[in-house]
N, C-alpha and C. Protein backbone atom coordinates (compact mmCIF):
# COMPACT_ATOMS: atom_id res chain seq x y z
N MET A 1 5.89 -2.91 -64.70
CA MET A 1 5.53 -2.52 -63.38
C MET A 1 4.38 -3.34 -62.83
N THR A 2 3.49 -3.72 -63.67
CA THR A 2 2.37 -4.53 -63.21
C THR A 2 2.83 -5.96 -63.05
N LYS A 3 2.33 -6.57 -62.00
CA LYS A 3 2.70 -7.95 -61.72
C LYS A 3 1.68 -8.87 -62.36
N SER A 4 2.14 -10.01 -62.65
CA SER A 4 1.22 -10.98 -63.25
C SER A 4 0.32 -11.56 -62.16
N ALA A 5 -0.72 -12.18 -62.57
CA ALA A 5 -1.68 -12.78 -61.64
C ALA A 5 -1.02 -13.87 -60.82
N ASP A 6 -0.10 -14.62 -61.43
CA ASP A 6 0.59 -15.68 -60.69
C ASP A 6 1.47 -15.09 -59.58
N ASP A 7 2.16 -13.99 -59.88
CA ASP A 7 3.00 -13.36 -58.86
C ASP A 7 2.16 -12.82 -57.70
N LEU A 8 1.05 -12.20 -58.04
CA LEU A 8 0.16 -11.68 -56.99
C LEU A 8 -0.41 -12.81 -56.14
N GLU A 9 -0.78 -13.89 -56.79
CA GLU A 9 -1.31 -15.04 -56.05
C GLU A 9 -0.24 -15.63 -55.14
N HIS A 10 0.98 -15.67 -55.61
CA HIS A 10 2.10 -16.19 -54.82
C HIS A 10 2.34 -15.30 -53.58
N GLU A 11 2.28 -13.98 -53.76
CA GLU A 11 2.46 -13.06 -52.63
C GLU A 11 1.34 -13.20 -51.61
N VAL A 12 0.12 -13.36 -52.10
CA VAL A 12 -1.01 -13.54 -51.20
C VAL A 12 -0.85 -14.82 -50.40
N GLU A 13 -0.42 -15.90 -51.04
CA GLU A 13 -0.20 -17.17 -50.34
C GLU A 13 0.90 -17.02 -49.29
N ALA A 14 1.96 -16.31 -49.64
CA ALA A 14 3.07 -16.11 -48.70
C ALA A 14 2.61 -15.31 -47.49
N SER A 15 1.83 -14.25 -47.72
CA SER A 15 1.36 -13.45 -46.59
C SER A 15 0.36 -14.23 -45.75
N ARG A 16 -0.47 -15.06 -46.36
CA ARG A 16 -1.40 -15.90 -45.60
C ARG A 16 -0.65 -16.90 -44.73
N SER A 17 0.37 -17.52 -45.29
CA SER A 17 1.12 -18.50 -44.49
C SER A 17 1.86 -17.80 -43.34
N LYS A 18 2.37 -16.59 -43.59
CA LYS A 18 3.03 -15.84 -42.52
C LYS A 18 2.02 -15.47 -41.43
N LEU A 19 0.83 -15.05 -41.84
CA LEU A 19 -0.22 -14.72 -40.89
C LEU A 19 -0.64 -15.95 -40.09
N ASP A 20 -0.74 -17.11 -40.74
CA ASP A 20 -1.08 -18.35 -40.03
C ASP A 20 -0.03 -18.69 -38.99
N ARG A 21 1.25 -18.54 -39.36
CA ARG A 21 2.32 -18.84 -38.40
C ARG A 21 2.27 -17.88 -37.21
N THR A 22 2.00 -16.61 -37.50
CA THR A 22 1.92 -15.62 -36.43
C THR A 22 0.75 -15.93 -35.49
N LEU A 23 -0.40 -16.26 -36.06
CA LEU A 23 -1.56 -16.60 -35.23
C LEU A 23 -1.32 -17.86 -34.41
N ASP A 24 -0.69 -18.86 -35.01
CA ASP A 24 -0.37 -20.08 -34.27
C ASP A 24 0.58 -19.78 -33.11
N SER A 25 1.55 -18.93 -33.38
CA SER A 25 2.50 -18.56 -32.32
C SER A 25 1.79 -17.82 -31.18
N LEU A 26 0.90 -16.91 -31.54
CA LEU A 26 0.16 -16.18 -30.50
C LEU A 26 -0.76 -17.10 -29.70
N GLN A 27 -1.42 -18.02 -30.37
CA GLN A 27 -2.31 -18.95 -29.66
C GLN A 27 -1.52 -19.86 -28.74
N SER A 28 -0.34 -20.28 -29.17
CA SER A 28 0.46 -21.16 -28.30
C SER A 28 0.96 -20.40 -27.07
N ARG A 29 1.17 -19.10 -27.20
CA ARG A 29 1.60 -18.32 -26.05
C ARG A 29 0.46 -18.06 -25.08
N LEU A 30 -0.75 -18.00 -25.59
CA LEU A 30 -1.88 -17.65 -24.74
C LEU A 30 -2.42 -18.81 -23.93
N ASN A 31 -2.13 -20.04 -24.29
CA ASN A 31 -2.62 -21.15 -23.47
C ASN A 31 -1.63 -21.44 -22.36
N PHE A 32 -2.05 -22.22 -21.38
CA PHE A 32 -1.24 -22.45 -20.18
C PHE A 32 0.07 -23.17 -20.50
N SER A 33 0.00 -24.19 -21.33
CA SER A 33 1.22 -24.94 -21.63
C SER A 33 2.21 -24.09 -22.40
N GLY A 34 1.72 -23.22 -23.29
CA GLY A 34 2.62 -22.34 -24.02
C GLY A 34 3.27 -21.31 -23.10
N ALA A 35 2.50 -20.81 -22.15
CA ALA A 35 3.06 -19.83 -21.21
C ALA A 35 4.12 -20.47 -20.33
N THR A 36 3.85 -21.69 -19.86
CA THR A 36 4.87 -22.36 -19.03
C THR A 36 6.08 -22.72 -19.85
N ALA A 37 5.88 -23.08 -21.11
CA ALA A 37 7.04 -23.38 -21.97
C ALA A 37 7.88 -22.13 -22.16
N ASN A 38 7.24 -20.98 -22.34
CA ASN A 38 8.00 -19.74 -22.47
C ASN A 38 8.75 -19.42 -21.18
N LEU A 39 8.12 -19.64 -20.05
CA LEU A 39 8.80 -19.36 -18.78
C LEU A 39 9.98 -20.28 -18.55
N MET A 40 9.88 -21.50 -19.04
CA MET A 40 10.97 -22.45 -18.85
C MET A 40 12.08 -22.26 -19.88
N ASN A 41 11.82 -21.52 -20.92
CA ASN A 41 12.81 -21.31 -21.98
C ASN A 41 13.78 -20.21 -21.55
N PRO A 42 15.05 -20.55 -21.34
CA PRO A 42 16.01 -19.54 -20.86
C PRO A 42 16.25 -18.42 -21.88
N GLU A 43 16.18 -18.74 -23.16
CA GLU A 43 16.38 -17.70 -24.17
C GLU A 43 15.26 -16.66 -24.11
N TRP A 44 14.03 -17.13 -23.98
CA TRP A 44 12.89 -16.21 -23.90
C TRP A 44 12.99 -15.34 -22.65
N ARG A 45 13.36 -15.96 -21.51
CA ARG A 45 13.49 -15.19 -20.27
C ARG A 45 14.58 -14.14 -20.39
N ALA A 46 15.73 -14.52 -20.97
CA ALA A 46 16.83 -13.57 -21.10
C ALA A 46 16.45 -12.43 -22.03
N ARG A 47 15.77 -12.75 -23.13
CA ARG A 47 15.37 -11.72 -24.09
C ARG A 47 14.35 -10.77 -23.45
N THR A 48 13.40 -11.32 -22.73
CA THR A 48 12.38 -10.49 -22.08
C THR A 48 12.98 -9.65 -20.97
N LEU A 49 13.82 -10.26 -20.15
CA LEU A 49 14.46 -9.53 -19.07
C LEU A 49 15.35 -8.42 -19.61
N HIS A 50 16.10 -8.74 -20.66
CA HIS A 50 16.98 -7.75 -21.25
C HIS A 50 16.17 -6.58 -21.83
N GLY A 51 15.07 -6.91 -22.50
CA GLY A 51 14.23 -5.85 -23.07
C GLY A 51 13.61 -4.97 -21.99
N ASN A 52 13.12 -5.59 -20.94
CA ASN A 52 12.53 -4.81 -19.85
C ASN A 52 13.57 -3.97 -19.13
N THR A 53 14.75 -4.54 -18.94
CA THR A 53 15.83 -3.80 -18.28
C THR A 53 16.24 -2.60 -19.12
N ASP A 54 16.39 -2.82 -20.43
CA ASP A 54 16.75 -1.70 -21.31
C ASP A 54 15.68 -0.61 -21.28
N ARG A 55 14.42 -1.01 -21.28
CA ARG A 55 13.33 -0.03 -21.26
C ARG A 55 13.34 0.74 -19.94
N PHE A 56 13.57 0.04 -18.83
CA PHE A 56 13.61 0.71 -17.53
C PHE A 56 14.78 1.68 -17.44
N VAL A 57 15.96 1.25 -17.88
CA VAL A 57 17.14 2.12 -17.81
C VAL A 57 16.94 3.34 -18.71
N GLY A 58 16.35 3.13 -19.87
CA GLY A 58 16.08 4.27 -20.77
C GLY A 58 15.12 5.26 -20.14
N ALA A 59 14.07 4.75 -19.50
CA ALA A 59 13.11 5.63 -18.84
C ALA A 59 13.77 6.36 -17.66
N ALA A 60 14.64 5.68 -16.94
CA ALA A 60 15.32 6.30 -15.80
C ALA A 60 16.27 7.40 -16.28
N ARG A 61 16.88 7.20 -17.43
CA ARG A 61 17.78 8.24 -17.94
C ARG A 61 17.02 9.46 -18.43
N THR A 62 15.87 9.23 -19.03
CA THR A 62 15.12 10.38 -19.53
C THR A 62 14.34 11.09 -18.42
N ASN A 63 13.91 10.36 -17.40
CA ASN A 63 13.13 10.94 -16.30
C ASN A 63 13.74 10.52 -14.96
N PRO A 64 14.84 11.12 -14.53
CA PRO A 64 15.47 10.65 -13.29
C PRO A 64 14.71 11.02 -12.02
N LEU A 65 13.98 12.12 -12.03
CA LEU A 65 13.30 12.56 -10.81
C LEU A 65 12.24 11.56 -10.34
N PRO A 66 11.34 11.08 -11.20
CA PRO A 66 10.37 10.09 -10.71
C PRO A 66 11.02 8.82 -10.19
N VAL A 67 12.10 8.41 -10.84
CA VAL A 67 12.79 7.20 -10.39
C VAL A 67 13.40 7.43 -9.01
N LEU A 68 13.99 8.60 -8.80
CA LEU A 68 14.56 8.91 -7.49
C LEU A 68 13.48 9.00 -6.42
N LEU A 69 12.33 9.56 -6.76
CA LEU A 69 11.23 9.63 -5.79
C LEU A 69 10.71 8.25 -5.44
N ILE A 70 10.59 7.39 -6.43
CA ILE A 70 10.14 6.02 -6.17
C ILE A 70 11.16 5.29 -5.30
N LEU A 71 12.43 5.43 -5.62
CA LEU A 71 13.46 4.76 -4.82
C LEU A 71 13.50 5.33 -3.40
N GLY A 72 13.29 6.63 -3.26
CA GLY A 72 13.23 7.22 -1.92
C GLY A 72 12.06 6.67 -1.12
N GLY A 73 10.90 6.53 -1.77
CA GLY A 73 9.74 5.95 -1.10
C GLY A 73 9.97 4.51 -0.69
N LEU A 74 10.58 3.74 -1.57
CA LEU A 74 10.89 2.35 -1.22
C LEU A 74 11.89 2.29 -0.07
N GLY A 75 12.88 3.19 -0.11
CA GLY A 75 13.84 3.24 0.99
C GLY A 75 13.18 3.58 2.31
N PHE A 76 12.24 4.53 2.28
CA PHE A 76 11.51 4.88 3.50
C PHE A 76 10.69 3.70 4.00
N LEU A 77 10.05 2.96 3.10
CA LEU A 77 9.27 1.80 3.52
C LEU A 77 10.15 0.75 4.18
N VAL A 78 11.33 0.52 3.61
CA VAL A 78 12.26 -0.45 4.21
C VAL A 78 12.72 0.05 5.57
N TYR A 79 13.08 1.33 5.66
CA TYR A 79 13.52 1.89 6.93
C TYR A 79 12.43 1.77 7.99
N ASP A 80 11.19 2.08 7.61
CA ASP A 80 10.07 2.00 8.55
C ASP A 80 9.86 0.57 9.03
N ALA A 81 9.94 -0.38 8.11
CA ALA A 81 9.74 -1.79 8.49
C ALA A 81 10.85 -2.25 9.44
N VAL A 82 12.08 -1.85 9.16
CA VAL A 82 13.20 -2.25 10.02
C VAL A 82 13.08 -1.59 11.39
N SER A 83 12.72 -0.31 11.43
CA SER A 83 12.62 0.36 12.73
C SER A 83 11.45 -0.19 13.55
N ARG A 84 10.34 -0.54 12.90
CA ARG A 84 9.23 -1.14 13.64
C ARG A 84 9.61 -2.51 14.19
N ALA A 85 10.35 -3.28 13.42
CA ALA A 85 10.78 -4.59 13.91
C ALA A 85 11.74 -4.42 15.09
N ALA A 86 12.63 -3.44 15.01
CA ALA A 86 13.56 -3.20 16.12
C ALA A 86 12.80 -2.74 17.36
N GLU A 87 11.81 -1.90 17.19
CA GLU A 87 11.01 -1.43 18.32
C GLU A 87 10.23 -2.59 18.95
N ALA A 88 9.69 -3.47 18.10
CA ALA A 88 8.96 -4.63 18.63
C ALA A 88 9.90 -5.55 19.41
N ARG A 89 11.11 -5.74 18.90
CA ARG A 89 12.09 -6.56 19.64
C ARG A 89 12.46 -5.91 20.96
N ARG A 90 12.64 -4.59 20.94
CA ARG A 90 13.01 -3.88 22.16
C ARG A 90 11.90 -3.98 23.20
N LEU A 91 10.66 -3.82 22.77
CA LEU A 91 9.54 -3.90 23.71
C LEU A 91 9.33 -5.33 24.21
N ALA A 92 9.65 -6.31 23.39
CA ALA A 92 9.48 -7.70 23.81
C ALA A 92 10.50 -8.06 24.88
N MET A 93 11.67 -7.44 24.85
CA MET A 93 12.71 -7.76 25.82
C MET A 93 12.49 -7.02 27.14
N ARG A 94 11.81 -5.88 27.11
CA ARG A 94 11.57 -5.09 28.31
C ARG A 94 10.43 -5.70 29.11
N PRO A 95 10.60 -5.81 30.43
CA PRO A 95 9.50 -6.37 31.22
C PRO A 95 8.30 -5.42 31.19
N ALA A 96 7.16 -6.01 31.26
CA ALA A 96 5.93 -5.21 31.20
C ALA A 96 5.78 -4.38 32.47
N ALA A 97 5.45 -3.13 32.30
CA ALA A 97 5.26 -2.23 33.44
C ALA A 97 3.91 -2.54 34.09
N PRO A 98 3.84 -2.39 35.41
CA PRO A 98 2.55 -2.62 36.06
C PRO A 98 1.55 -1.56 35.58
N PRO A 99 0.29 -1.91 35.55
CA PRO A 99 -0.69 -0.94 35.06
C PRO A 99 -0.74 0.28 35.98
N ARG A 100 -0.83 1.44 35.39
CA ARG A 100 -0.88 2.68 36.16
C ARG A 100 -2.26 2.85 36.77
N PRO A 101 -2.30 3.28 38.03
CA PRO A 101 -3.61 3.56 38.61
C PRO A 101 -4.17 4.84 37.99
N ASN A 102 -5.47 4.97 38.07
CA ASN A 102 -6.08 6.19 37.59
C ASN A 102 -5.55 7.34 38.44
N THR A 103 -4.87 8.27 37.84
CA THR A 103 -4.15 9.29 38.61
C THR A 103 -5.07 10.25 39.35
N ASP A 104 -6.31 10.45 38.89
CA ASP A 104 -7.21 11.38 39.58
C ASP A 104 -7.95 10.73 40.74
N ARG A 105 -8.05 9.45 40.75
CA ARG A 105 -8.87 8.78 41.76
C ARG A 105 -8.31 8.94 43.17
N HIS A 106 -7.00 8.99 43.28
CA HIS A 106 -6.41 9.05 44.62
C HIS A 106 -6.36 10.48 45.18
N LEU A 107 -6.72 11.48 44.40
CA LEU A 107 -6.70 12.86 44.88
C LEU A 107 -7.80 13.07 45.92
N ASP A 108 -7.49 13.92 46.91
CA ASP A 108 -8.41 14.13 48.03
C ASP A 108 -9.72 14.78 47.58
N GLU A 109 -9.63 15.70 46.63
CA GLU A 109 -10.86 16.39 46.22
C GLU A 109 -11.76 15.53 45.34
N ASN A 110 -11.31 14.35 44.95
CA ASN A 110 -12.13 13.47 44.11
C ASN A 110 -12.73 12.30 44.90
N ARG A 111 -12.83 12.46 46.20
CA ARG A 111 -13.48 11.41 46.99
C ARG A 111 -14.96 11.36 46.65
N GLN A 112 -15.57 10.22 46.84
CA GLN A 112 -16.97 10.02 46.49
C GLN A 112 -17.91 10.89 47.32
N ASP A 113 -17.57 11.12 48.59
CA ASP A 113 -18.46 11.91 49.45
C ASP A 113 -18.44 13.40 49.08
N ARG A 114 -17.46 13.84 48.34
CA ARG A 114 -17.39 15.25 47.92
C ARG A 114 -18.02 15.47 46.55
N LEU A 115 -18.55 14.43 45.94
CA LEU A 115 -19.09 14.54 44.59
C LEU A 115 -20.25 15.54 44.50
N HIS A 116 -21.16 15.50 45.47
CA HIS A 116 -22.31 16.41 45.44
C HIS A 116 -21.88 17.86 45.65
N ASP A 117 -20.88 18.07 46.51
CA ASP A 117 -20.40 19.44 46.71
C ASP A 117 -19.77 19.99 45.44
N LYS A 118 -19.02 19.16 44.74
CA LYS A 118 -18.40 19.60 43.48
C LYS A 118 -19.46 19.88 42.42
N LEU A 119 -20.51 19.05 42.38
CA LEU A 119 -21.57 19.27 41.42
C LEU A 119 -22.33 20.56 41.72
N ASP A 120 -22.58 20.83 43.00
CA ASP A 120 -23.25 22.09 43.37
C ASP A 120 -22.40 23.29 42.98
N ALA A 121 -21.10 23.20 43.21
CA ALA A 121 -20.21 24.31 42.86
C ALA A 121 -20.17 24.52 41.35
N ALA A 122 -20.17 23.44 40.60
CA ALA A 122 -20.14 23.57 39.14
C ALA A 122 -21.43 24.17 38.62
N LEU A 123 -22.57 23.76 39.18
CA LEU A 123 -23.84 24.33 38.75
C LEU A 123 -23.95 25.80 39.12
N GLU A 124 -23.46 26.17 40.31
CA GLU A 124 -23.49 27.57 40.74
C GLU A 124 -22.58 28.41 39.84
N GLU A 125 -21.46 27.83 39.43
CA GLU A 125 -20.55 28.55 38.54
C GLU A 125 -21.17 28.71 37.15
N SER A 126 -21.88 27.69 36.69
CA SER A 126 -22.50 27.77 35.37
C SER A 126 -23.72 28.67 35.36
N PHE A 127 -24.52 28.59 36.41
CA PHE A 127 -25.75 29.39 36.50
C PHE A 127 -25.72 30.19 37.80
N PRO A 128 -24.98 31.29 37.86
CA PRO A 128 -24.87 32.04 39.11
C PRO A 128 -26.22 32.64 39.54
N GLY A 129 -26.49 32.56 40.82
CA GLY A 129 -27.70 33.12 41.39
C GLY A 129 -28.95 32.34 41.07
N SER A 130 -28.82 31.09 40.64
CA SER A 130 -30.01 30.32 40.31
C SER A 130 -30.67 29.79 41.57
N ASP A 131 -31.89 29.40 41.45
CA ASP A 131 -32.69 28.89 42.56
C ASP A 131 -32.13 27.54 43.00
N PRO A 132 -31.81 27.34 44.29
CA PRO A 132 -31.25 26.06 44.74
C PRO A 132 -32.20 24.89 44.51
N VAL A 133 -33.49 25.12 44.54
CA VAL A 133 -34.44 24.03 44.32
C VAL A 133 -34.34 23.54 42.87
N SER A 134 -34.28 24.46 41.92
CA SER A 134 -34.17 24.04 40.52
C SER A 134 -32.82 23.38 40.24
N VAL A 135 -31.80 23.81 40.98
CA VAL A 135 -30.49 23.17 40.83
C VAL A 135 -30.57 21.73 41.32
N ARG A 136 -31.24 21.49 42.42
CA ARG A 136 -31.38 20.13 42.93
C ARG A 136 -32.16 19.25 41.95
N ILE A 137 -33.16 19.83 41.28
CA ILE A 137 -33.95 19.05 40.34
C ILE A 137 -33.11 18.65 39.12
N THR A 138 -32.25 19.54 38.67
CA THR A 138 -31.44 19.22 37.49
C THR A 138 -30.41 18.15 37.76
N LYS A 139 -30.05 17.95 39.03
CA LYS A 139 -29.08 16.90 39.34
C LYS A 139 -29.74 15.58 39.14
């Protein structure tokens, strides 16, 4: 059951060489040229895409409600963007309406010469029976 020293040394060397290969592989992936090489490698892309797709489909099968809510939200965002674009196109085609005049300015009771009478009436309504001199001072 006990291994000889040579066998143990051989196993240690094998595990060290495997660890060296793993570290070299990780370092090559972490630098820019290694990352671009991985992106250009169709096998790596297919394996990664397939793994991510499988993980997503598995999560969707186990938790369908969050996936449906996310898809509903994305659908609403697309609908909102399309409807805003359609509204912008519709408004761009419609001629611009002339600016509306201030609707209260043309009323007879809002003439400039009646301003003091309206102010007196408002003060009398707010402070009934007040002294007219003090009302004039507050204006």
